[in-house]
Amino acid sequence: MRVIDLTMRITPSIRVFPGSPQPSFIPWSRFDSHGYDSEAMFMSTHTGTHVDAPSHFAPGLASIDMIPASRLVCNAVLIKAPKRANQLIEREDLANDQVREGDAVVIATGWEKRVASSNYMTENPGLSDQAAKYLARKKVNAVAIDGPSIDAGTDSKFAAHNILLLRNILVVENLCNVSKISTNRFTLVISPLKLGGATGSPVRALALM
């Protein structure tokens, strides 16, 4: 079995959504004093490669700890939809015969190559309303993307988030290494921390082939 790590490395300098805190790793215990090393973390639960729970945009719906474990290992389909800054992923980009009910739809826009660019977080491509509604009608399990958001950087209303999360569809953002996936169908593993009441969590995302 081949395993591809789709996860960004979280460091204090990682790019974060505008307004979010940069991660901090605070030394907590020291080997020379306590016999072991440890650290405390301070960061948004939506840092790096992460999953959004429905409660992120719909208070009262499921928080991240309420997501059944059976949804975190799922059949996935890769949709290649190369896009430039602020371009929309349209309904026509999502092939009818590929997306099945219960799939995790992994969208490869190529934007992950721009992660070091100043516009990575602000001008990313994202789903159009019609594309998001189509995926909702297909009753997919999750929608994942190789950029910081499933909404285009210009969309201040977060239309795709509202369409998908309100229908209990998970959202996975900031994937990397998507270009290394060599097949259209594979198994996606999403492993959030079981954080009580949280709206999301960083994940270790893996593609299994």
N, C-alpha and C. Protein backbone atom coordinates (compact mmCIF):
# COMPACT_ATOMS: atom_id res chain seq x y z
N MET A 1 0.84 -1.21 0.00
CA MET A 1 0.00 0.00 0.00
C MET A 1 0.87 1.25 0.00
N ARG A 2 0.54 2.21 -0.83
CA ARG A 2 1.26 3.47 -0.89
C ARG A 2 0.52 4.51 -0.04
N VAL A 3 1.27 5.25 0.76
CA VAL A 3 0.69 6.28 1.63
C VAL A 3 1.29 7.64 1.25
N ILE A 4 0.43 8.60 0.96
CA ILE A 4 0.88 9.96 0.65
C ILE A 4 0.38 10.89 1.74
N ASP A 5 1.30 11.60 2.35
CA ASP A 5 0.95 12.56 3.41
C ASP A 5 0.50 13.86 2.76
N LEU A 6 -0.74 14.24 3.00
CA LEU A 6 -1.34 15.44 2.40
C LEU A 6 -1.35 16.61 3.38
N THR A 7 -0.50 16.53 4.40
CA THR A 7 -0.57 17.44 5.54
C THR A 7 0.54 18.47 5.57
N MET A 8 0.17 19.73 5.77
CA MET A 8 1.16 20.78 5.98
C MET A 8 1.86 20.60 7.33
N ARG A 9 3.11 21.00 7.38
CA ARG A 9 3.85 21.04 8.66
C ARG A 9 3.50 22.35 9.37
N ILE A 10 3.05 22.24 10.61
CA ILE A 10 2.68 23.44 11.37
C ILE A 10 3.91 23.96 12.11
N THR A 11 4.25 25.20 11.84
CA THR A 11 5.35 25.89 12.50
C THR A 11 4.87 27.29 12.91
N PRO A 12 5.61 27.99 13.74
CA PRO A 12 5.20 29.35 14.12
C PRO A 12 5.09 30.31 12.94
N SER A 13 5.70 29.97 11.80
CA SER A 13 5.68 30.87 10.65
C SER A 13 4.70 30.45 9.57
N ILE A 14 3.90 29.40 9.81
CA ILE A 14 2.95 28.94 8.80
C ILE A 14 1.95 30.05 8.47
N ARG A 15 1.52 30.11 7.22
CA ARG A 15 0.52 31.10 6.84
C ARG A 15 -0.82 30.72 7.46
N VAL A 16 -1.48 31.71 8.07
CA VAL A 16 -2.76 31.47 8.71
C VAL A 16 -3.81 32.40 8.10
N PHE A 17 -5.08 32.04 8.31
CA PHE A 17 -6.18 32.87 7.79
C PHE A 17 -6.08 34.26 8.42
N PRO A 18 -6.27 35.31 7.61
CA PRO A 18 -6.15 36.67 8.15
C PRO A 18 -6.97 36.86 9.43
N GLY A 19 -6.32 37.35 10.46
CA GLY A 19 -6.97 37.56 11.75
C GLY A 19 -6.74 36.44 12.74
N SER A 20 -6.26 35.29 12.27
CA SER A 20 -5.98 34.17 13.17
C SER A 20 -4.59 34.33 13.78
N PRO A 21 -4.37 33.74 14.96
CA PRO A 21 -3.05 33.86 15.60
C PRO A 21 -2.03 32.94 14.94
N GLN A 22 -0.79 33.38 14.92
CA GLN A 22 0.28 32.48 14.51
C GLN A 22 0.47 31.43 15.61
N PRO A 23 0.73 30.18 15.25
CA PRO A 23 0.92 29.16 16.28
C PRO A 23 2.12 29.46 17.17
N SER A 24 1.97 29.10 18.43
CA SER A 24 3.08 29.21 19.39
C SER A 24 3.28 27.86 20.05
N PHE A 25 4.52 27.43 20.16
CA PHE A 25 4.88 26.21 20.88
C PHE A 25 5.72 26.64 22.08
N ILE A 26 5.17 26.50 23.26
CA ILE A 26 5.77 27.04 24.47
C ILE A 26 6.43 25.91 25.26
N PRO A 27 7.76 25.96 25.44
CA PRO A 27 8.40 24.92 26.25
C PRO A 27 7.76 24.85 27.64
N TRP A 28 7.38 23.64 28.06
CA TRP A 28 6.64 23.50 29.32
C TRP A 28 7.44 22.75 30.38
N SER A 29 8.02 21.65 29.98
CA SER A 29 8.92 20.93 30.89
C SER A 29 10.25 20.72 30.19
N ARG A 30 11.29 20.51 30.98
CA ARG A 30 12.62 20.35 30.42
C ARG A 30 13.22 19.04 30.89
N PHE A 31 13.90 18.38 29.97
CA PHE A 31 14.49 17.08 30.31
C PHE A 31 15.47 17.19 31.47
N ASP A 32 16.28 18.27 31.46
CA ASP A 32 17.30 18.39 32.51
C ASP A 32 16.71 18.68 33.88
N SER A 33 15.47 19.22 33.92
CA SER A 33 14.83 19.53 35.20
C SER A 33 13.78 18.51 35.61
N HIS A 34 13.01 18.01 34.63
CA HIS A 34 11.86 17.17 34.94
C HIS A 34 12.03 15.71 34.50
N GLY A 35 13.05 15.46 33.70
CA GLY A 35 13.25 14.11 33.21
C GLY A 35 12.54 13.83 31.90
N TYR A 36 11.83 14.84 31.37
CA TYR A 36 11.15 14.71 30.08
C TYR A 36 10.92 16.10 29.50
N ASP A 37 10.81 16.15 28.18
CA ASP A 37 10.49 17.40 27.48
C ASP A 37 9.02 17.39 27.10
N SER A 38 8.38 18.56 27.14
CA SER A 38 7.02 18.73 26.62
C SER A 38 6.81 20.20 26.29
N GLU A 39 5.76 20.48 25.56
CA GLU A 39 5.45 21.85 25.18
C GLU A 39 3.94 22.06 25.19
N ALA A 40 3.54 23.31 25.39
CA ALA A 40 2.15 23.70 25.27
C ALA A 40 1.97 24.38 23.92
N MET A 41 0.75 24.26 23.36
CA MET A 41 0.46 24.85 22.06
C MET A 41 -0.60 25.93 22.18
N PHE A 42 -0.45 26.99 21.39
CA PHE A 42 -1.51 27.98 21.25
C PHE A 42 -1.69 28.25 19.76
N MET A 43 -2.88 27.93 19.24
CA MET A 43 -3.17 28.18 17.83
C MET A 43 -4.65 27.99 17.58
N SER A 44 -5.11 28.51 16.46
CA SER A 44 -6.48 28.30 16.03
C SER A 44 -6.68 26.83 15.68
N THR A 45 -7.88 26.33 15.90
CA THR A 45 -8.20 24.96 15.50
C THR A 45 -8.34 24.84 13.98
N HIS A 46 -8.22 25.96 13.27
CA HIS A 46 -8.29 25.97 11.80
C HIS A 46 -6.93 26.35 11.20
N THR A 47 -5.88 25.82 11.81
CA THR A 47 -4.51 26.10 11.36
C THR A 47 -4.01 24.97 10.48
N GLY A 48 -3.30 25.33 9.42
CA GLY A 48 -2.70 24.32 8.55
C GLY A 48 -3.74 23.44 7.90
N THR A 49 -3.38 22.19 7.64
CA THR A 49 -4.34 21.22 7.10
C THR A 49 -5.33 20.89 8.20
N HIS A 50 -6.60 21.19 7.96
CA HIS A 50 -7.59 21.06 9.04
C HIS A 50 -8.95 20.69 8.47
N VAL A 51 -9.84 20.28 9.35
CA VAL A 51 -11.21 19.96 8.97
C VAL A 51 -12.16 20.89 9.72
N ASP A 52 -13.17 21.36 8.98
CA ASP A 52 -14.23 22.17 9.58
C ASP A 52 -15.40 21.28 9.95
N ALA A 53 -15.86 21.39 11.18
CA ALA A 53 -17.09 20.72 11.59
C ALA A 53 -18.29 21.57 11.19
N PRO A 54 -19.49 20.98 11.07
CA PRO A 54 -20.67 21.77 10.73
C PRO A 54 -20.88 22.98 11.65
N SER A 55 -20.51 22.87 12.94
CA SER A 55 -20.73 23.96 13.88
C SER A 55 -19.89 25.19 13.56
N HIS A 56 -18.91 25.07 12.67
CA HIS A 56 -18.06 26.21 12.30
C HIS A 56 -18.90 27.33 11.70
N PHE A 57 -19.93 26.98 10.94
CA PHE A 57 -20.81 27.98 10.34
C PHE A 57 -22.26 27.81 10.75
N ALA A 58 -22.53 26.86 11.62
CA ALA A 58 -23.91 26.61 12.04
C ALA A 58 -23.93 26.22 13.51
N PRO A 59 -23.89 27.21 14.42
CA PRO A 59 -23.93 26.90 15.85
C PRO A 59 -25.12 26.00 16.17
N GLY A 60 -24.85 24.96 16.94
CA GLY A 60 -25.90 24.01 17.27
C GLY A 60 -25.78 22.71 16.51
N LEU A 61 -25.10 22.75 15.37
CA LEU A 61 -24.84 21.51 14.64
C LEU A 61 -23.59 20.84 15.21
N ALA A 62 -23.20 19.71 14.63
CA ALA A 62 -22.16 18.86 15.20
C ALA A 62 -20.82 19.59 15.34
N SER A 63 -20.21 19.48 16.51
CA SER A 63 -18.84 19.94 16.73
C SER A 63 -17.90 18.82 16.33
N ILE A 64 -16.61 19.09 16.33
CA ILE A 64 -15.65 18.13 15.77
C ILE A 64 -15.63 16.81 16.53
N ASP A 65 -15.87 16.84 17.85
CA ASP A 65 -15.87 15.60 18.64
C ASP A 65 -17.08 14.73 18.38
N MET A 66 -18.10 15.28 17.71
CA MET A 66 -19.32 14.55 17.43
C MET A 66 -19.30 13.85 16.06
N ILE A 67 -18.24 14.05 15.28
CA ILE A 67 -18.16 13.43 13.96
C ILE A 67 -17.86 11.94 14.14
N PRO A 68 -18.71 11.05 13.61
CA PRO A 68 -18.46 9.62 13.77
C PRO A 68 -17.12 9.22 13.14
N ALA A 69 -16.40 8.33 13.81
CA ALA A 69 -15.11 7.89 13.29
C ALA A 69 -15.23 7.25 11.92
N SER A 70 -16.39 6.66 11.63
CA SER A 70 -16.59 6.00 10.34
C SER A 70 -16.53 6.98 9.17
N ARG A 71 -16.71 8.27 9.45
CA ARG A 71 -16.66 9.28 8.38
C ARG A 71 -15.24 9.74 8.10
N LEU A 72 -14.30 9.34 8.94
CA LEU A 72 -12.93 9.86 8.84
C LEU A 72 -12.01 8.97 8.01
N VAL A 73 -12.49 7.81 7.62
CA VAL A 73 -11.79 6.93 6.67
C VAL A 73 -12.80 6.66 5.57
N CYS A 74 -12.55 7.19 4.39
CA CYS A 74 -13.61 7.20 3.38
C CYS A 74 -13.08 7.04 1.96
N ASN A 75 -13.97 6.59 1.08
CA ASN A 75 -13.64 6.56 -0.33
C ASN A 75 -13.51 7.98 -0.84
N ALA A 76 -12.52 8.21 -1.68
CA ALA A 76 -12.27 9.56 -2.18
C ALA A 76 -12.11 9.55 -3.69
N VAL A 77 -12.47 10.66 -4.30
CA VAL A 77 -12.29 10.84 -5.74
C VAL A 77 -11.50 12.13 -5.94
N LEU A 78 -10.53 12.08 -6.83
CA LEU A 78 -9.70 13.25 -7.14
C LEU A 78 -10.26 13.95 -8.36
N ILE A 79 -10.55 15.24 -8.21
CA ILE A 79 -11.02 16.07 -9.32
C ILE A 79 -9.93 17.10 -9.63
N LYS A 80 -9.37 17.03 -10.82
CA LYS A 80 -8.35 17.99 -11.22
C LYS A 80 -9.02 19.17 -11.91
N ALA A 81 -8.89 20.34 -11.29
CA ALA A 81 -9.52 21.56 -11.80
C ALA A 81 -8.53 22.71 -11.64
N PRO A 82 -7.51 22.78 -12.50
CA PRO A 82 -6.50 23.84 -12.37
C PRO A 82 -7.13 25.23 -12.41
N LYS A 83 -6.78 26.06 -11.45
CA LYS A 83 -7.36 27.40 -11.37
C LYS A 83 -6.29 28.42 -10.99
N ARG A 84 -6.53 29.65 -11.41
CA ARG A 84 -5.66 30.77 -11.05
C ARG A 84 -6.30 31.57 -9.92
N ALA A 85 -5.67 32.66 -9.55
CA ALA A 85 -6.14 33.49 -8.45
C ALA A 85 -7.59 33.90 -8.66
N ASN A 86 -8.38 33.71 -7.62
CA ASN A 86 -9.78 34.13 -7.55
C ASN A 86 -10.71 33.43 -8.54
N GLN A 87 -10.21 32.43 -9.28
CA GLN A 87 -11.09 31.72 -10.20
C GLN A 87 -12.00 30.77 -9.44
N LEU A 88 -13.19 30.54 -9.99
CA LEU A 88 -14.16 29.65 -9.37
C LEU A 88 -14.08 28.25 -9.96
N ILE A 89 -14.26 27.28 -9.11
CA ILE A 89 -14.45 25.89 -9.55
C ILE A 89 -15.93 25.77 -9.90
N GLU A 90 -16.22 25.53 -11.15
CA GLU A 90 -17.59 25.53 -11.62
C GLU A 90 -18.18 24.13 -11.62
N ARG A 91 -19.49 24.08 -11.74
CA ARG A 91 -20.19 22.79 -11.81
C ARG A 91 -19.61 21.93 -12.94
N GLU A 92 -19.22 22.54 -14.04
CA GLU A 92 -18.70 21.79 -15.19
C GLU A 92 -17.35 21.12 -14.89
N ASP A 93 -16.65 21.61 -13.86
CA ASP A 93 -15.36 21.02 -13.49
C ASP A 93 -15.52 19.69 -12.75
N LEU A 94 -16.72 19.41 -12.29
CA LEU A 94 -16.97 18.23 -11.47
C LEU A 94 -17.67 17.17 -12.32
N ALA A 95 -16.89 16.21 -12.80
CA ALA A 95 -17.42 15.21 -13.74
C ALA A 95 -18.53 14.38 -13.10
N ASN A 96 -19.65 14.26 -13.84
CA ASN A 96 -20.82 13.55 -13.33
C ASN A 96 -20.52 12.12 -12.91
N ASP A 97 -19.77 11.41 -13.73
CA ASP A 97 -19.61 9.98 -13.50
C ASP A 97 -18.55 9.66 -12.45
N GLN A 98 -17.91 10.66 -11.89
CA GLN A 98 -16.86 10.40 -10.90
C GLN A 98 -17.34 10.55 -9.47
N VAL A 99 -18.19 11.52 -9.20
CA VAL A 99 -18.60 11.82 -7.83
C VAL A 99 -19.76 10.91 -7.43
N ARG A 100 -19.55 10.17 -6.33
CA ARG A 100 -20.57 9.25 -5.85
C ARG A 100 -21.02 9.65 -4.45
N GLU A 101 -22.22 9.26 -4.11
CA GLU A 101 -22.73 9.53 -2.76
C GLU A 101 -21.78 8.93 -1.73
N GLY A 102 -21.46 9.72 -0.70
CA GLY A 102 -20.57 9.25 0.37
C GLY A 102 -19.10 9.46 0.11
N ASP A 103 -18.74 9.96 -1.07
CA ASP A 103 -17.34 10.22 -1.39
C ASP A 103 -16.79 11.40 -0.60
N ALA A 104 -15.48 11.40 -0.43
CA ALA A 104 -14.75 12.63 -0.12
C ALA A 104 -14.23 13.14 -1.47
N VAL A 105 -14.61 14.34 -1.83
CA VAL A 105 -14.21 14.92 -3.11
C VAL A 105 -12.97 15.79 -2.88
N VAL A 106 -11.85 15.36 -3.43
CA VAL A 106 -10.58 16.08 -3.26
C VAL A 106 -10.32 16.87 -4.54
N ILE A 107 -10.31 18.19 -4.42
CA ILE A 107 -10.19 19.07 -5.58
C ILE A 107 -8.76 19.61 -5.67
N ALA A 108 -8.12 19.30 -6.80
CA ALA A 108 -6.74 19.74 -7.05
C ALA A 108 -6.77 20.94 -7.99
N THR A 109 -6.55 22.13 -7.43
CA THR A 109 -6.54 23.35 -8.24
C THR A 109 -5.12 23.76 -8.64
N GLY A 110 -4.12 23.19 -7.96
CA GLY A 110 -2.74 23.61 -8.16
C GLY A 110 -2.33 24.77 -7.28
N TRP A 111 -3.27 25.28 -6.49
CA TRP A 111 -2.98 26.46 -5.65
C TRP A 111 -1.96 26.15 -4.56
N GLU A 112 -1.80 24.88 -4.20
CA GLU A 112 -0.82 24.54 -3.17
C GLU A 112 0.59 25.00 -3.55
N LYS A 113 0.84 25.15 -4.85
CA LYS A 113 2.15 25.61 -5.30
C LYS A 113 2.39 27.07 -4.93
N ARG A 114 1.32 27.78 -4.55
CA ARG A 114 1.42 29.20 -4.22
C ARG A 114 1.54 29.45 -2.72
N VAL A 115 1.78 28.38 -1.94
CA VAL A 115 1.72 28.51 -0.48
C VAL A 115 2.71 29.54 0.06
N ALA A 116 3.82 29.77 -0.63
CA ALA A 116 4.79 30.75 -0.16
C ALA A 116 4.50 32.16 -0.66
N SER A 117 3.46 32.32 -1.48
CA SER A 117 3.13 33.62 -2.07
C SER A 117 2.30 34.47 -1.12
N SER A 118 2.43 35.78 -1.25
CA SER A 118 1.73 36.69 -0.36
C SER A 118 0.22 36.63 -0.55
N ASN A 119 -0.25 36.16 -1.72
CA ASN A 119 -1.69 36.12 -1.97
C ASN A 119 -2.29 34.74 -1.72
N TYR A 120 -1.53 33.81 -1.12
CA TYR A 120 -2.03 32.45 -0.92
C TYR A 120 -3.34 32.44 -0.14
N MET A 121 -3.42 33.25 0.91
CA MET A 121 -4.58 33.25 1.79
C MET A 121 -5.70 34.18 1.33
N THR A 122 -5.43 35.04 0.37
CA THR A 122 -6.41 36.09 0.05
C THR A 122 -6.97 36.04 -1.36
N GLU A 123 -6.31 35.31 -2.27
CA GLU A 123 -6.78 35.29 -3.65
C GLU A 123 -6.92 33.86 -4.18
N ASN A 124 -7.12 32.93 -3.29
CA ASN A 124 -7.24 31.53 -3.68
C ASN A 124 -8.50 31.25 -4.49
N PRO A 125 -8.47 30.25 -5.37
CA PRO A 125 -9.69 29.81 -6.05
C PRO A 125 -10.61 29.11 -5.06
N GLY A 126 -11.88 28.99 -5.43
CA GLY A 126 -12.85 28.31 -4.57
C GLY A 126 -14.07 27.88 -5.35
N LEU A 127 -14.97 27.20 -4.67
CA LEU A 127 -16.17 26.66 -5.30
C LEU A 127 -17.19 27.75 -5.62
N SER A 128 -17.81 27.63 -6.77
CA SER A 128 -18.97 28.47 -7.09
C SER A 128 -20.18 27.95 -6.31
N ASP A 129 -21.22 28.77 -6.22
CA ASP A 129 -22.45 28.34 -5.56
C ASP A 129 -22.99 27.08 -6.20
N GLN A 130 -23.01 27.05 -7.53
CA GLN A 130 -23.59 25.91 -8.24
C GLN A 130 -22.78 24.64 -8.02
N ALA A 131 -21.46 24.77 -7.97
CA ALA A 131 -20.62 23.60 -7.71
C ALA A 131 -20.87 23.06 -6.30
N ALA A 132 -20.96 23.96 -5.33
CA ALA A 132 -21.21 23.53 -3.95
C ALA A 132 -22.59 22.88 -3.83
N LYS A 133 -23.59 23.45 -4.49
CA LYS A 133 -24.94 22.87 -4.44
C LYS A 133 -24.99 21.50 -5.11
N TYR A 134 -24.22 21.34 -6.19
CA TYR A 134 -24.16 20.05 -6.86
C TYR A 134 -23.58 18.99 -5.93
N LEU A 135 -22.48 19.31 -5.23
CA LEU A 135 -21.88 18.35 -4.30
C LEU A 135 -22.82 18.05 -3.14
N ALA A 136 -23.58 19.04 -2.71
CA ALA A 136 -24.56 18.81 -1.65
C ALA A 136 -25.65 17.85 -2.13
N ARG A 137 -26.10 18.03 -3.37
CA ARG A 137 -27.13 17.13 -3.92
C ARG A 137 -26.60 15.71 -4.05
N LYS A 138 -25.32 15.57 -4.32
CA LYS A 138 -24.72 14.24 -4.43
C LYS A 138 -24.53 13.57 -3.07
N LYS A 139 -24.76 14.30 -2.00
CA LYS A 139 -24.64 13.79 -0.63
C LYS A 139 -23.25 13.22 -0.36
N VAL A 140 -22.24 14.03 -0.70
CA VAL A 140 -20.87 13.59 -0.44
C VAL A 140 -20.57 13.66 1.05
N ASN A 141 -19.55 12.95 1.47
CA ASN A 141 -19.15 12.93 2.88
C ASN A 141 -18.33 14.16 3.25
N ALA A 142 -17.44 14.57 2.32
CA ALA A 142 -16.53 15.67 2.60
C ALA A 142 -16.08 16.30 1.29
N VAL A 143 -15.67 17.55 1.37
CA VAL A 143 -15.05 18.26 0.25
C VAL A 143 -13.71 18.78 0.75
N ALA A 144 -12.65 18.44 0.03
CA ALA A 144 -11.30 18.83 0.43
C ALA A 144 -10.63 19.57 -0.72
N ILE A 145 -9.70 20.47 -0.39
CA ILE A 145 -9.09 21.30 -1.42
C ILE A 145 -7.64 21.62 -1.08
N ASP A 146 -6.85 21.85 -2.12
CA ASP A 146 -5.43 22.18 -1.94
C ASP A 146 -5.22 23.69 -1.85
N GLY A 147 -6.02 24.33 -1.06
CA GLY A 147 -5.93 25.77 -0.82
C GLY A 147 -6.47 26.07 0.56
N PRO A 148 -6.42 27.34 0.99
CA PRO A 148 -6.77 27.67 2.36
C PRO A 148 -8.27 27.66 2.65
N SER A 149 -9.10 27.64 1.59
CA SER A 149 -10.54 27.69 1.80
C SER A 149 -11.27 27.11 0.61
N ILE A 150 -12.44 26.52 0.85
CA ILE A 150 -13.27 26.07 -0.27
C ILE A 150 -13.98 27.25 -0.91
N ASP A 151 -13.99 28.39 -0.26
CA ASP A 151 -14.52 29.62 -0.85
C ASP A 151 -13.38 30.42 -1.46
N ALA A 152 -13.65 31.05 -2.60
CA ALA A 152 -12.66 31.91 -3.22
C ALA A 152 -12.29 33.04 -2.27
N GLY A 153 -11.06 33.53 -2.39
CA GLY A 153 -10.58 34.58 -1.51
C GLY A 153 -11.43 35.84 -1.55
N THR A 154 -12.14 36.05 -2.66
CA THR A 154 -12.96 37.26 -2.80
C THR A 154 -14.35 37.09 -2.19
N ASP A 155 -14.71 35.88 -1.75
CA ASP A 155 -16.06 35.62 -1.26
C ASP A 155 -16.14 35.86 0.24
N SER A 156 -16.56 37.05 0.62
CA SER A 156 -16.66 37.40 2.04
C SER A 156 -17.89 36.80 2.71
N LYS A 157 -18.80 36.21 1.92
CA LYS A 157 -20.02 35.61 2.48
C LYS A 157 -19.86 34.12 2.73
N PHE A 158 -18.73 33.54 2.32
CA PHE A 158 -18.45 32.12 2.56
C PHE A 158 -19.59 31.22 2.08
N ALA A 159 -19.99 31.43 0.84
CA ALA A 159 -21.16 30.73 0.30
C ALA A 159 -21.00 29.22 0.34
N ALA A 160 -19.85 28.70 -0.12
CA ALA A 160 -19.67 27.25 -0.17
C ALA A 160 -19.67 26.64 1.24
N HIS A 161 -19.04 27.31 2.19
CA HIS A 161 -19.07 26.82 3.57
C HIS A 161 -20.52 26.70 4.05
N ASN A 162 -21.30 27.72 3.81
CA ASN A 162 -22.68 27.71 4.29
C ASN A 162 -23.52 26.64 3.60
N ILE A 163 -23.28 26.42 2.32
CA ILE A 163 -24.04 25.39 1.60
C ILE A 163 -23.68 24.00 2.11
N LEU A 164 -22.40 23.72 2.27
CA LEU A 164 -21.96 22.37 2.61
C LEU A 164 -22.08 22.05 4.09
N LEU A 165 -21.58 22.93 4.95
CA LEU A 165 -21.58 22.62 6.39
C LEU A 165 -23.00 22.52 6.94
N LEU A 166 -23.91 23.33 6.44
CA LEU A 166 -25.29 23.26 6.92
C LEU A 166 -25.96 21.95 6.53
N ARG A 167 -25.35 21.24 5.57
CA ARG A 167 -25.86 19.93 5.15
C ARG A 167 -25.00 18.80 5.71
N ASN A 168 -24.23 19.10 6.74
CA ASN A 168 -23.43 18.11 7.46
C ASN A 168 -22.34 17.50 6.59
N ILE A 169 -21.83 18.26 5.62
CA ILE A 169 -20.72 17.81 4.79
C ILE A 169 -19.44 18.42 5.34
N LEU A 170 -18.46 17.57 5.64
CA LEU A 170 -17.20 18.04 6.21
C LEU A 170 -16.40 18.82 5.17
N VAL A 171 -15.59 19.74 5.63
CA VAL A 171 -14.74 20.56 4.77
C VAL A 171 -13.30 20.41 5.23
N VAL A 172 -12.42 20.02 4.32
CA VAL A 172 -11.00 19.86 4.63
C VAL A 172 -10.21 20.84 3.77
N GLU A 173 -9.36 21.64 4.41
CA GLU A 173 -8.65 22.70 3.70
C GLU A 173 -7.14 22.62 3.93
N ASN A 174 -6.41 23.28 3.03
CA ASN A 174 -4.95 23.35 3.12
C ASN A 174 -4.27 21.99 2.92
N LEU A 175 -4.80 21.18 2.00
CA LEU A 175 -4.08 19.96 1.65
C LEU A 175 -2.81 20.32 0.88
N CYS A 176 -1.83 19.45 0.95
CA CYS A 176 -0.64 19.59 0.13
C CYS A 176 -0.29 18.22 -0.46
N ASN A 177 0.64 18.21 -1.40
CA ASN A 177 1.07 16.97 -2.06
C ASN A 177 -0.03 16.28 -2.84
N VAL A 178 -1.09 17.00 -3.15
CA VAL A 178 -2.19 16.41 -3.92
C VAL A 178 -1.70 15.97 -5.31
N SER A 179 -0.72 16.68 -5.85
CA SER A 179 -0.19 16.34 -7.17
C SER A 179 0.50 14.97 -7.18
N LYS A 180 0.80 14.41 -6.02
CA LYS A 180 1.45 13.09 -5.94
C LYS A 180 0.45 11.94 -6.00
N ILE A 181 -0.84 12.25 -5.94
CA ILE A 181 -1.85 11.20 -6.03
C ILE A 181 -1.95 10.75 -7.48
N SER A 182 -1.73 9.46 -7.70
CA SER A 182 -1.59 8.95 -9.07
C SER A 182 -2.82 8.24 -9.60
N THR A 183 -3.91 8.24 -8.84
CA THR A 183 -5.12 7.56 -9.28
C THR A 183 -6.33 8.42 -8.95
N ASN A 184 -7.42 8.24 -9.71
CA ASN A 184 -8.61 9.06 -9.48
C ASN A 184 -9.37 8.67 -8.22
N ARG A 185 -9.26 7.39 -7.83
CA ARG A 185 -9.98 6.93 -6.65
C ARG A 185 -8.99 6.32 -5.66
N PHE A 186 -9.19 6.63 -4.38
CA PHE A 186 -8.29 6.18 -3.32
C PHE A 186 -9.02 6.26 -2.00
N THR A 187 -8.34 5.91 -0.93
CA THR A 187 -8.91 6.05 0.41
C THR A 187 -8.31 7.28 1.08
N LEU A 188 -9.16 8.12 1.64
CA LEU A 188 -8.71 9.32 2.36
C LEU A 188 -8.90 9.10 3.85
N VAL A 189 -7.84 9.36 4.61
CA VAL A 189 -7.90 9.31 6.07
C VAL A 189 -7.79 10.73 6.59
N ILE A 190 -8.76 11.13 7.41
CA ILE A 190 -8.78 12.46 8.03
C ILE A 190 -8.77 12.22 9.54
N SER A 191 -7.78 12.75 10.26
CA SER A 191 -7.65 12.39 11.68
C SER A 191 -7.63 13.61 12.59
N PRO A 192 -8.80 14.22 12.83
CA PRO A 192 -8.84 15.36 13.76
C PRO A 192 -8.70 14.92 15.20
N LEU A 193 -8.24 15.83 16.03
CA LEU A 193 -8.28 15.61 17.47
C LEU A 193 -9.74 15.66 17.93
N LYS A 194 -10.06 14.89 18.95
CA LYS A 194 -11.43 14.84 19.46
C LYS A 194 -11.62 15.94 20.51
N LEU A 195 -11.71 17.17 20.02
CA LEU A 195 -11.76 18.35 20.88
C LEU A 195 -13.21 18.68 21.22
N GLY A 196 -13.56 18.56 22.47
CA GLY A 196 -14.94 18.77 22.90
C GLY A 196 -15.47 20.15 22.54
N GLY A 197 -16.53 20.22 21.74
CA GLY A 197 -17.20 21.47 21.40
C GLY A 197 -16.50 22.32 20.37
N ALA A 198 -15.37 21.86 19.82
CA ALA A 198 -14.59 22.68 18.88
C ALA A 198 -15.22 22.68 17.49
N THR A 199 -14.98 23.77 16.77
CA THR A 199 -15.53 23.92 15.41
C THR A 199 -14.64 23.32 14.34
N GLY A 200 -13.49 22.82 14.73
CA GLY A 200 -12.58 22.22 13.76
C GLY A 200 -11.35 21.69 14.47
N SER A 201 -10.44 21.14 13.68
CA SER A 201 -9.19 20.62 14.25
C SER A 201 -8.16 20.46 13.15
N PRO A 202 -6.89 20.75 13.46
CA PRO A 202 -5.84 20.31 12.54
C PRO A 202 -5.93 18.79 12.37
N VAL A 203 -5.55 18.31 11.20
CA VAL A 203 -5.61 16.88 10.92
C VAL A 203 -4.30 16.40 10.32
N ARG A 204 -4.06 15.10 10.40
CA ARG A 204 -3.08 14.44 9.57
C ARG A 204 -3.89 13.76 8.48
N ALA A 205 -3.81 14.29 7.27
CA ALA A 205 -4.58 13.78 6.14
C ALA A 205 -3.68 12.87 5.30
N LEU A 206 -4.19 11.67 5.00
CA LEU A 206 -3.41 10.67 4.28
C LEU A 206 -4.21 10.12 3.11
N ALA A 207 -3.54 9.94 1.98
CA ALA A 207 -4.14 9.25 0.85
C ALA A 207 -3.53 7.85 0.78
N LEU A 208 -4.39 6.83 0.76
CA LEU A 208 -3.96 5.44 0.73
C LEU A 208 -4.33 4.85 -0.63
N MET A 209 -3.34 4.25 -1.28
CA MET A 209 -3.59 3.67 -2.60
C MET A 209 -3.02 2.27 -2.68
